[in-house]
Amino acid sequence: MVVKLCKKCLYPSNHPLGIIFDEDGICSGCLQHKEKKVINWQDRKKDLENLIDRTKFSNNNHYDCVVPVTGGKDSLFTAHYVKNELGLKPLFVTYNSHYNSLTGLYNIQKLQTDLGCDLISFNLNQSKAKEIARYSLKNYGNFHWLSLAGHSVFPVQIAVKFKIPLIIWGMHQGIEQVGMFSYMDGIQMNRQYRRDHDLFGLEPEDLLSKKSVSDKLKKELIKFNYPNRDYLEKIGLRGIYLNNYLNWDNRKMQEKIIKTYKYGTLNSNRALFPFEDSNNIFYSEVHDLFKFIKYGYGKVTDHLCQEIRFNRISRKEASELNDFYLRISPEKIETFCSWIKITKADFYQILEKFKNPNLFKNTTEKNINLLFGNSKQKIPSKLKKIISKLNIVSNIIYNEDESPISFKKTINID
């Protein structure tokens, strides 16, 4: 299969969320982005406020809504907006991936302190979490699957348990990346989207019938099952995305919050923006490596496509940056192998198993080292000038060591 690139941005035709191209070779994500310029966002904000008013009228709960938070991505802005701009009483909910960064834990604690909101975290037994991560890595090439499963279902379970009829998420990535829906559709979070896209077609319920999954592990996986529809309908649960109601600019919104609250950022090796996955020590390194091997693009591509669409960088300049960053050597592979308890030989065998044969011939450790010959410490001066013009906000608080952190560690935020 020949992989084509959008003629405006850099997304490939094999994007896992599904993407289409018009007759001029422009992708559906770029075409959908144009809708931002014609929507009356003041009217959309009023639609949001009316929806919230209707929900509050029927809600006798202490909390107005659930807000999923991670310590990174768009959740810091979402939490601020819900509390301070919408004036709601949110219950923050987070899932412990067990491979947190110090920066992410700092941000979570600072968020709770600064906004004065309650927070509930879900902590699966770490050894079981690693076992499930090993299984999903070896069988599906995605160690991050369990974290996605937890982050996408725990807020729903808590909303049902506490009878809170509203969950407010930040950005719907299917809209922002590939134009999956119109903003006017007001698409909501549901089990089908979680299964098909967040979890790449694999629900925890699907693993319960697998003979290769132990009975002990199945007992843990049950904790990630989506609540029954009857329970959702009983409380009238809605899961809305803010980017359907606000003129969403993910980078600018996150940078505003970093400046306002002094949240920390993480100097990721293969990513352009230091704030997006600042909560996760492995995401922009190991997970991004598998993403690149499967589809031929990475997190830096996501960042640059966004910048192209907002006219902050030319496609030519973005393409030069993208080509360089995708060849930067991934870090933390040894740390990851030690954490998940596999050998480096196992790691490269798994990488070989899930490579895209149309893009890569061989992914042995030797060939991977040849493929990733670039270094972030040796960015050419021409590319440094391009990056400098973007004026990317950064606030590095910790020199992250090689070890992932669990929630057990307390971070001083004074």
Protein backbone atom coordinates (compact mmCIF):
# COMPACT_ATOMS: atom_id res chain seq x y z
CA MET A 1 0.00 0.00 0.00
CA VAL A 2 1.34 3.41 -1.00
CA VAL A 3 1.16 5.92 1.85
CA LYS A 4 0.29 9.45 0.74
CA LEU A 5 0.78 12.68 2.66
CA CYS A 6 -1.66 15.56 2.85
CA LYS A 7 -0.54 18.40 0.59
CA LYS A 8 -1.31 21.00 3.27
CA CYS A 9 -0.24 19.30 6.51
CA LEU A 10 1.94 16.22 7.10
CA TYR A 11 -0.58 13.53 8.06
CA PRO A 12 -0.33 10.23 6.19
CA SER A 13 -3.19 8.37 4.52
CA ASN A 14 -2.74 5.45 6.96
CA HIS A 15 -3.56 7.55 10.04
CA PRO A 16 -5.05 5.12 12.61
CA LEU A 17 -8.05 7.36 13.36
CA GLY A 18 -9.10 7.25 9.71
CA ILE A 19 -8.45 10.05 7.25
CA ILE A 20 -9.64 10.90 3.75
CA PHE A 21 -8.29 13.19 1.03
CA ASP A 22 -10.18 15.39 -1.40
CA GLU A 23 -9.39 15.58 -5.12
CA ASP A 24 -6.72 18.21 -4.41
CA GLY A 25 -4.92 15.96 -1.93
CA ILE A 26 -6.03 17.90 1.17
CA CYS A 27 -6.89 15.78 4.21
CA SER A 28 -10.18 15.79 6.10
CA GLY A 29 -8.46 17.25 9.17
CA CYS A 30 -7.31 20.35 7.29
CA LEU A 31 -10.72 20.74 5.65
CA GLN A 32 -12.48 20.43 9.00
CA HIS A 33 -10.12 23.01 10.54
CA LYS A 34 -11.58 25.63 8.19
CA GLU A 35 -14.87 25.35 10.07
CA LYS A 36 -13.25 27.16 13.00
CA LYS A 37 -13.26 30.37 10.97
CA VAL A 38 -16.98 30.34 10.12
CA ILE A 39 -18.51 29.17 13.41
CA ASN A 40 -19.96 31.79 15.75
CA TRP A 41 -18.07 30.73 18.85
CA GLN A 42 -19.98 33.11 21.10
CA ASP A 43 -23.16 31.24 20.17
CA ARG A 44 -21.42 27.91 20.77
CA LYS A 45 -20.35 29.08 24.24
CA LYS A 46 -23.95 29.98 24.98
CA ASP A 47 -24.96 26.49 23.84
CA LEU A 48 -22.47 25.09 26.34
CA GLU A 49 -23.77 27.29 29.16
CA ASN A 50 -27.37 26.33 28.39
CA LEU A 51 -26.46 22.63 28.39
CA ILE A 52 -24.76 23.04 31.77
CA ASP A 53 -27.71 24.98 33.19
CA ARG A 54 -30.09 22.18 32.18
CA THR A 55 -27.79 19.62 33.76
CA LYS A 56 -27.43 21.59 37.00
CA PHE A 57 -31.20 22.03 37.23
CA SER A 58 -31.68 18.26 37.31
CA ASN A 59 -28.67 17.56 39.52
CA ASN A 60 -28.92 17.58 43.29
CA ASN A 61 -25.35 16.35 43.71
CA HIS A 62 -22.58 18.11 45.61
CA TYR A 63 -20.55 18.08 42.38
CA ASP A 64 -21.66 19.66 39.11
CA CYS A 65 -19.46 17.50 36.92
CA VAL A 66 -16.53 15.12 36.65
CA VAL A 67 -13.31 16.36 35.01
CA PRO A 68 -10.67 13.75 34.04
CA VAL A 69 -7.14 15.03 34.78
CA THR A 70 -3.67 13.64 34.08
CA GLY A 71 -1.12 16.30 35.02
CA GLY A 72 -0.49 16.94 31.34
CA LYS A 73 -2.17 17.18 27.92
CA ASP A 74 -5.29 19.37 27.80
CA SER A 75 -6.60 18.47 31.25
CA LEU A 76 -4.90 21.38 33.04
CA PHE A 77 -6.68 23.90 30.83
CA THR A 78 -9.97 22.00 31.04
CA ALA A 79 -9.85 21.92 34.85
CA HIS A 80 -9.16 25.66 35.00
CA TYR A 81 -11.87 26.52 32.52
CA VAL A 82 -14.53 24.40 34.22
CA LYS A 83 -13.76 25.81 37.68
CA ASN A 84 -12.93 29.44 36.95
CA GLU A 85 -14.65 30.30 33.67
CA LEU A 86 -17.80 28.20 33.97
CA GLY A 87 -17.98 28.52 37.75
CA LEU A 88 -18.74 24.84 38.34
CA LYS A 89 -17.91 22.52 41.24
CA PRO A 90 -15.95 19.72 39.55
CA LEU A 91 -14.77 16.42 40.94
CA PHE A 92 -11.34 15.68 39.49
CA VAL A 93 -10.65 12.06 38.56
CA THR A 94 -7.32 10.55 37.54
CA TYR A 95 -5.96 7.13 36.63
CA ASN A 96 -2.49 6.13 37.85
CA SER A 97 -0.50 4.74 34.91
CA HIS A 98 2.44 3.86 37.22
CA TYR A 99 4.88 5.41 34.77
CA ASN A 100 4.35 8.99 35.84
CA SER A 101 6.94 11.75 35.67
CA LEU A 102 7.84 13.93 38.66
CA THR A 103 6.51 16.83 36.62
CA GLY A 104 3.14 15.14 36.15
CA LEU A 105 2.77 14.43 39.86
CA TYR A 106 3.77 18.00 40.67
CA ASN A 107 1.13 19.31 38.26
CA ILE A 108 -1.62 17.07 39.67
CA GLN A 109 -0.92 18.18 43.24
CA LYS A 110 -0.58 21.84 42.26
CA LEU A 111 -3.81 21.66 40.26
CA GLN A 112 -5.72 20.32 43.25
CA THR A 113 -4.16 22.90 45.57
CA ASP A 114 -4.60 25.92 43.28
CA LEU A 115 -8.19 25.16 42.29
CA GLY A 116 -9.26 23.75 45.66
CA CYS A 117 -11.15 20.77 44.22
CA ASP A 118 -11.57 17.19 45.37
CA LEU A 119 -9.68 14.50 43.48
CA ILE A 120 -10.14 10.73 43.27
CA SER A 121 -7.43 8.49 41.81
CA PHE A 122 -7.63 4.87 40.68
CA ASN A 123 -4.54 2.82 41.53
CA LEU A 124 -4.42 -0.68 40.11
CA ASN A 125 -1.96 -3.02 41.79
CA GLN A 126 1.35 -2.15 40.12
CA SER A 127 2.41 -5.75 39.43
CA LYS A 128 -0.95 -6.43 37.76
CA ALA A 129 -0.68 -3.21 35.76
CA LYS A 130 2.72 -4.31 34.47
CA GLU A 131 1.42 -7.77 33.62
CA ILE A 132 -1.44 -6.32 31.56
CA ALA A 133 0.94 -3.84 29.92
CA ARG A 134 3.25 -6.72 28.95
CA TYR A 135 0.34 -8.66 27.50
CA SER A 136 -0.95 -5.73 25.41
CA LEU A 137 2.58 -4.90 24.26
CA LYS A 138 3.38 -8.45 23.13
CA ASN A 139 -0.01 -9.11 21.52
CA TYR A 140 -1.02 -5.68 20.22
CA GLY A 141 2.14 -3.58 20.18
CA ASN A 142 0.71 -1.08 22.68
CA PHE A 143 1.85 -1.06 26.31
CA HIS A 144 -0.14 2.17 26.81
CA TRP A 145 -3.47 0.41 26.15
CA LEU A 146 -4.21 -0.12 29.86
CA SER A 147 -3.62 3.54 30.67
CA LEU A 148 -5.99 4.53 27.87
CA ALA A 149 -8.56 2.04 29.15
CA GLY A 150 -8.30 3.40 32.68
CA HIS A 151 -8.34 7.05 31.74
CA SER A 152 -11.37 6.61 29.48
CA VAL A 153 -13.53 4.52 31.85
CA PHE A 154 -12.70 5.50 35.44
CA PRO A 155 -14.31 8.96 35.11
CA VAL A 156 -17.46 7.26 33.76
CA GLN A 157 -17.52 4.77 36.63
CA ILE A 158 -17.14 7.57 39.18
CA ALA A 159 -19.89 9.63 37.53
CA VAL A 160 -22.22 6.63 37.79
CA LYS A 161 -21.21 5.86 41.38
CA PHE A 162 -21.76 9.44 42.58
CA LYS A 163 -24.73 10.05 40.25
CA ILE A 164 -23.04 13.01 38.55
CA PRO A 165 -24.74 13.51 35.16
CA LEU A 166 -21.94 15.39 33.36
CA ILE A 167 -18.34 14.62 32.41
CA ILE A 168 -16.36 17.41 30.75
CA TRP A 169 -13.44 16.31 28.59
CA GLY A 170 -11.07 18.65 26.81
CA MET A 171 -10.20 17.92 23.18
CA HIS A 172 -11.72 15.30 20.91
CA GLN A 173 -8.59 14.24 19.03
CA GLY A 174 -10.56 12.61 16.21
CA ILE A 175 -11.97 16.03 15.30
CA GLU A 176 -8.78 18.02 15.75
CA GLN A 177 -6.50 15.56 13.94
CA VAL A 178 -8.53 13.99 11.13
CA GLY A 179 -11.83 15.92 11.03
CA MET A 180 -13.87 12.92 12.15
CA PHE A 181 -16.91 15.08 12.98
CA SER A 182 -18.13 18.64 12.64
CA TYR A 183 -17.86 20.83 15.74
CA MET A 184 -21.56 21.51 15.28
CA ASP A 185 -22.35 17.81 15.73
CA GLY A 186 -21.59 18.21 19.43
CA ILE A 187 -20.32 14.64 19.49
CA GLN A 188 -20.17 13.13 22.98
CA MET A 189 -17.92 10.55 24.61
CA ASN A 190 -19.42 7.06 24.44
CA ARG A 191 -18.46 3.42 24.64
CA GLN A 192 -18.31 2.95 20.87
CA TYR A 193 -15.78 5.76 20.34
CA ARG A 194 -13.74 4.46 23.27
CA ARG A 195 -13.65 0.97 21.75
CA ASP A 196 -13.04 1.89 18.13
CA HIS A 197 -10.52 4.71 18.57
CA ASP A 198 -9.23 5.22 22.13
CA LEU A 199 -8.64 1.47 22.52
CA PHE A 200 -8.03 0.65 18.83
CA GLY A 201 -10.91 -1.84 18.65
CA LEU A 202 -9.97 -3.81 21.77
CA GLU A 203 -12.14 -3.51 24.89
CA PRO A 204 -11.22 -5.08 28.24
CA GLU A 205 -14.37 -7.18 27.84
CA ASP A 206 -12.84 -8.72 24.69
CA LEU A 207 -9.89 -10.09 26.66
CA LEU A 208 -12.11 -11.98 29.11
CA SER A 209 -12.68 -14.69 26.48
CA LYS A 210 -8.98 -15.07 25.63
CA LYS A 211 -7.47 -18.37 26.81
CA SER A 212 -4.05 -16.70 26.88
CA VAL A 213 -5.24 -14.33 29.64
CA SER A 214 -4.99 -15.83 33.12
CA ASP A 215 -8.02 -15.95 35.43
CA LYS A 216 -6.22 -13.66 37.89
CA LEU A 217 -5.65 -11.10 35.16
CA LYS A 218 -9.26 -11.33 34.02
CA LYS A 219 -10.35 -10.36 37.55
CA GLU A 220 -8.28 -7.19 37.20
CA LEU A 221 -9.54 -6.43 33.69
CA ILE A 222 -13.15 -6.49 34.89
CA LYS A 223 -12.35 -3.27 36.74
CA PHE A 224 -11.99 -1.56 33.35
CA ASN A 225 -15.39 -2.59 31.96
CA TYR A 226 -17.64 0.19 30.73
CA PRO A 227 -20.77 0.70 32.89
CA ASN A 228 -24.01 -0.80 31.67
CA ARG A 229 -26.15 1.47 29.49
CA ASP A 230 -29.01 1.24 31.98
CA TYR A 231 -26.86 2.90 34.65
CA LEU A 232 -25.83 5.67 32.25
CA GLU A 233 -29.41 6.36 31.21
CA LYS A 234 -30.64 6.29 34.79
CA ILE A 235 -28.58 9.37 35.70
CA GLY A 236 -28.75 10.89 32.20
CA LEU A 237 -24.97 10.89 31.86
CA ARG A 238 -23.38 13.06 29.18
CA GLY A 239 -19.70 13.24 28.31
CA ILE A 240 -19.02 16.45 26.38
CA TYR A 241 -15.88 17.82 24.73
CA LEU A 242 -14.94 21.47 25.23
CA ASN A 243 -13.47 21.79 21.76
CA ASN A 244 -16.99 21.54 20.34
CA TYR A 245 -17.86 24.79 22.13
CA LEU A 246 -14.62 26.79 22.22
CA ASN A 247 -12.37 27.93 19.39
CA TRP A 248 -9.82 25.31 20.35
CA ASP A 249 -6.12 26.01 19.94
CA ASN A 250 -4.50 23.26 21.97
CA ARG A 251 -1.02 24.73 22.13
CA LYS A 252 -2.07 28.29 23.02
CA MET A 253 -4.51 27.10 25.67
CA GLN A 254 -1.91 24.95 27.37
CA GLU A 255 0.73 27.66 27.22
CA LYS A 256 -1.66 30.16 28.80
CA ILE A 257 -2.24 27.82 31.73
CA ILE A 258 1.48 27.15 32.17
CA LYS A 259 2.15 30.88 32.34
CA THR A 260 -0.76 31.52 34.72
CA TYR A 261 -0.21 28.69 37.21
CA LYS A 262 3.48 27.90 36.64
CA TYR A 263 2.81 24.24 35.89
CA GLY A 264 5.83 22.19 34.92
CA THR A 265 6.75 20.91 31.47
CA LEU A 266 8.79 17.90 30.40
CA ASN A 267 11.67 18.18 27.94
CA SER A 268 10.70 15.20 25.78
CA ASN A 269 13.27 13.97 23.32
CA ARG A 270 11.13 13.30 20.24
CA ALA A 271 8.33 15.84 20.76
CA LEU A 272 8.26 19.52 19.83
CA PHE A 273 5.96 20.76 22.61
CA PRO A 274 7.23 20.15 26.16
CA PHE A 275 3.82 20.29 27.83
CA GLU A 276 1.56 17.83 26.03
CA ASP A 277 2.67 14.56 27.66
CA SER A 278 4.51 16.03 30.61
CA ASN A 279 2.81 13.53 32.94
CA ASN A 280 4.18 10.42 31.23
CA ILE A 281 7.82 9.37 31.25
CA PHE A 282 7.50 6.77 28.44
CA TYR A 283 4.87 8.20 26.08
CA SER A 284 6.95 10.51 23.89
CA GLU A 285 9.79 8.01 23.74
CA VAL A 286 8.74 4.35 23.71
CA HIS A 287 5.08 4.73 22.71
CA ASP A 288 6.06 7.22 20.02
CA LEU A 289 8.59 4.73 18.66
CA PHE A 290 5.87 2.11 18.15
CA LYS A 291 3.62 4.75 16.59
CA PHE A 292 6.37 5.63 14.13
CA ILE A 293 7.16 2.01 13.28
CA LYS A 294 3.48 1.24 12.67
CA TYR A 295 2.38 4.37 10.82
CA GLY A 296 5.47 6.35 9.83
CA TYR A 297 4.72 9.47 11.85
CA GLY A 298 5.01 10.56 15.47
CA LYS A 299 3.99 13.04 18.15
CA VAL A 300 6.09 15.74 16.53
CA THR A 301 3.95 15.29 13.39
CA ASP A 302 0.81 15.91 15.46
CA HIS A 303 2.35 19.12 16.80
CA LEU A 304 3.51 20.37 13.41
CA CYS A 305 0.21 19.64 11.65
CA GLN A 306 -1.46 21.79 14.28
CA GLU A 307 1.02 24.61 13.68
CA ILE A 308 0.53 24.43 9.91
CA ARG A 309 -3.24 24.69 10.23
CA PHE A 310 -2.94 27.76 12.45
CA ASN A 311 -0.52 29.30 9.93
CA ARG A 312 2.31 29.51 12.44
CA ILE A 313 4.73 27.56 10.25
CA SER A 314 5.03 26.76 6.55
CA ARG A 315 4.63 23.20 5.35
CA LYS A 316 8.20 23.24 4.04
CA GLU A 317 9.65 24.27 7.39
CA ALA A 318 7.41 21.81 9.23
CA SER A 319 8.48 19.00 6.93
CA GLU A 320 12.16 19.71 7.62
CA LEU A 321 11.56 19.66 11.38
CA ASN A 322 9.44 16.54 11.13
CA ASP A 323 12.06 14.63 9.15
CA PHE A 324 14.74 15.50 11.71
CA TYR A 325 12.71 14.78 14.86
CA LEU A 326 11.42 11.44 13.60
CA ARG A 327 15.03 10.28 13.32
CA ILE A 328 16.00 11.33 16.85
CA SER A 329 17.14 8.33 18.86
CA PRO A 330 14.46 7.26 21.40
CA GLU A 331 15.47 7.38 25.04
CA LYS A 332 14.47 5.26 28.05
CA ILE A 333 14.23 1.93 26.19
CA GLU A 334 16.39 0.18 28.78
CA THR A 335 14.43 1.81 31.61
CA PHE A 336 11.17 0.74 30.01
CA CYS A 337 12.34 -2.85 29.60
CA SER A 338 13.40 -2.94 33.23
CA TRP A 339 10.06 -1.47 34.36
CA ILE A 340 7.85 -3.79 32.32
CA LYS A 341 10.21 -6.75 32.93
CA ILE A 342 11.22 -7.83 29.45
CA THR A 343 14.67 -8.09 27.88
CA LYS A 344 15.91 -5.68 25.22
CA ALA A 345 15.97 -8.63 22.83
CA ASP A 346 12.26 -9.20 23.57
CA PHE A 347 11.61 -5.50 22.99
CA TYR A 348 13.14 -5.48 19.51
CA GLN A 349 11.39 -8.72 18.60
CA ILE A 350 8.06 -7.11 19.48
CA LEU A 351 9.00 -4.02 17.52
CA GLU A 352 9.79 -6.20 14.50
CA LYS A 353 6.45 -8.00 14.87
CA PHE A 354 4.44 -4.77 14.61
CA LYS A 355 6.50 -2.80 12.11
CA ASN A 356 4.83 -1.65 8.91
CA PRO A 357 6.58 -3.69 6.17
CA ASN A 358 5.67 -1.03 3.63
CA LEU A 359 7.75 1.47 5.59
CA PHE A 360 10.53 -0.48 7.30
CA LYS A 361 12.55 -3.57 6.41
CA ASN A 362 14.19 -4.57 9.66
CA THR A 363 13.89 -3.25 13.22
CA THR A 364 16.69 -5.07 15.00
CA GLU A 365 18.56 -3.01 17.61
CA LYS A 366 21.41 -2.44 15.15
CA ASN A 367 19.13 -1.20 12.39
CA ILE A 368 17.09 0.93 14.79
CA ASN A 369 20.29 2.67 15.88
CA LEU A 370 21.10 3.34 12.21
CA LEU A 371 17.56 4.60 11.54
CA PHE A 372 17.60 7.00 14.48
CA GLY A 373 20.90 8.74 13.97
CA ASN A 374 19.81 12.26 14.97
CA SER A 375 20.16 13.90 18.37
CA LYS A 376 18.19 16.75 19.93
CA GLN A 377 21.50 18.11 21.19
CA LYS A 378 22.70 18.44 17.59
CA ILE A 379 19.81 20.20 15.86
CA PRO A 380 21.11 22.10 12.81
CA SER A 381 21.15 25.90 13.20
CA LYS A 382 18.63 26.27 10.38
CA LEU A 383 16.10 24.18 12.29
CA LYS A 384 16.89 25.96 15.55
CA LYS A 385 15.87 29.24 13.90
CA ILE A 386 12.56 27.72 12.81
CA ILE A 387 11.88 26.47 16.34
CA SER A 388 12.86 29.84 17.82
CA LYS A 389 10.28 31.63 15.67
CA LEU A 390 7.53 29.45 17.19
CA ASN A 391 8.19 30.89 20.69
CA ILE A 392 7.23 27.66 22.46
CA VAL A 393 6.58 28.10 26.20
CA SER A 394 8.51 25.84 28.56
CA ASN A 395 8.81 25.60 32.35
CA ILE A 396 11.19 22.80 33.28
CA ILE A 397 11.04 22.21 37.05
CA TYR A 398 12.63 18.77 37.37
CA ASN A 399 15.57 17.14 35.68
CA GLU A 400 13.69 13.87 35.31
CA ASP A 401 15.72 10.79 36.17
CA GLU A 402 15.29 7.48 34.40
CA SER A 403 12.75 5.98 36.80
CA PRO A 404 8.96 6.20 36.48
CA ILE A 405 7.17 7.36 39.62
CA SER A 406 4.04 6.02 41.30
CA PHE A 407 1.51 8.13 43.19
CA LYS A 408 3.12 7.12 46.47
CA LYS A 409 5.66 9.93 46.18
CA THR A 410 4.68 13.34 47.55
CA ILE A 411 5.96 16.38 45.70
CA ASN A 412 6.67 19.67 47.42
CA ILE A 413 4.87 22.47 45.56
CA ASP A 414 5.82 25.38 47.85
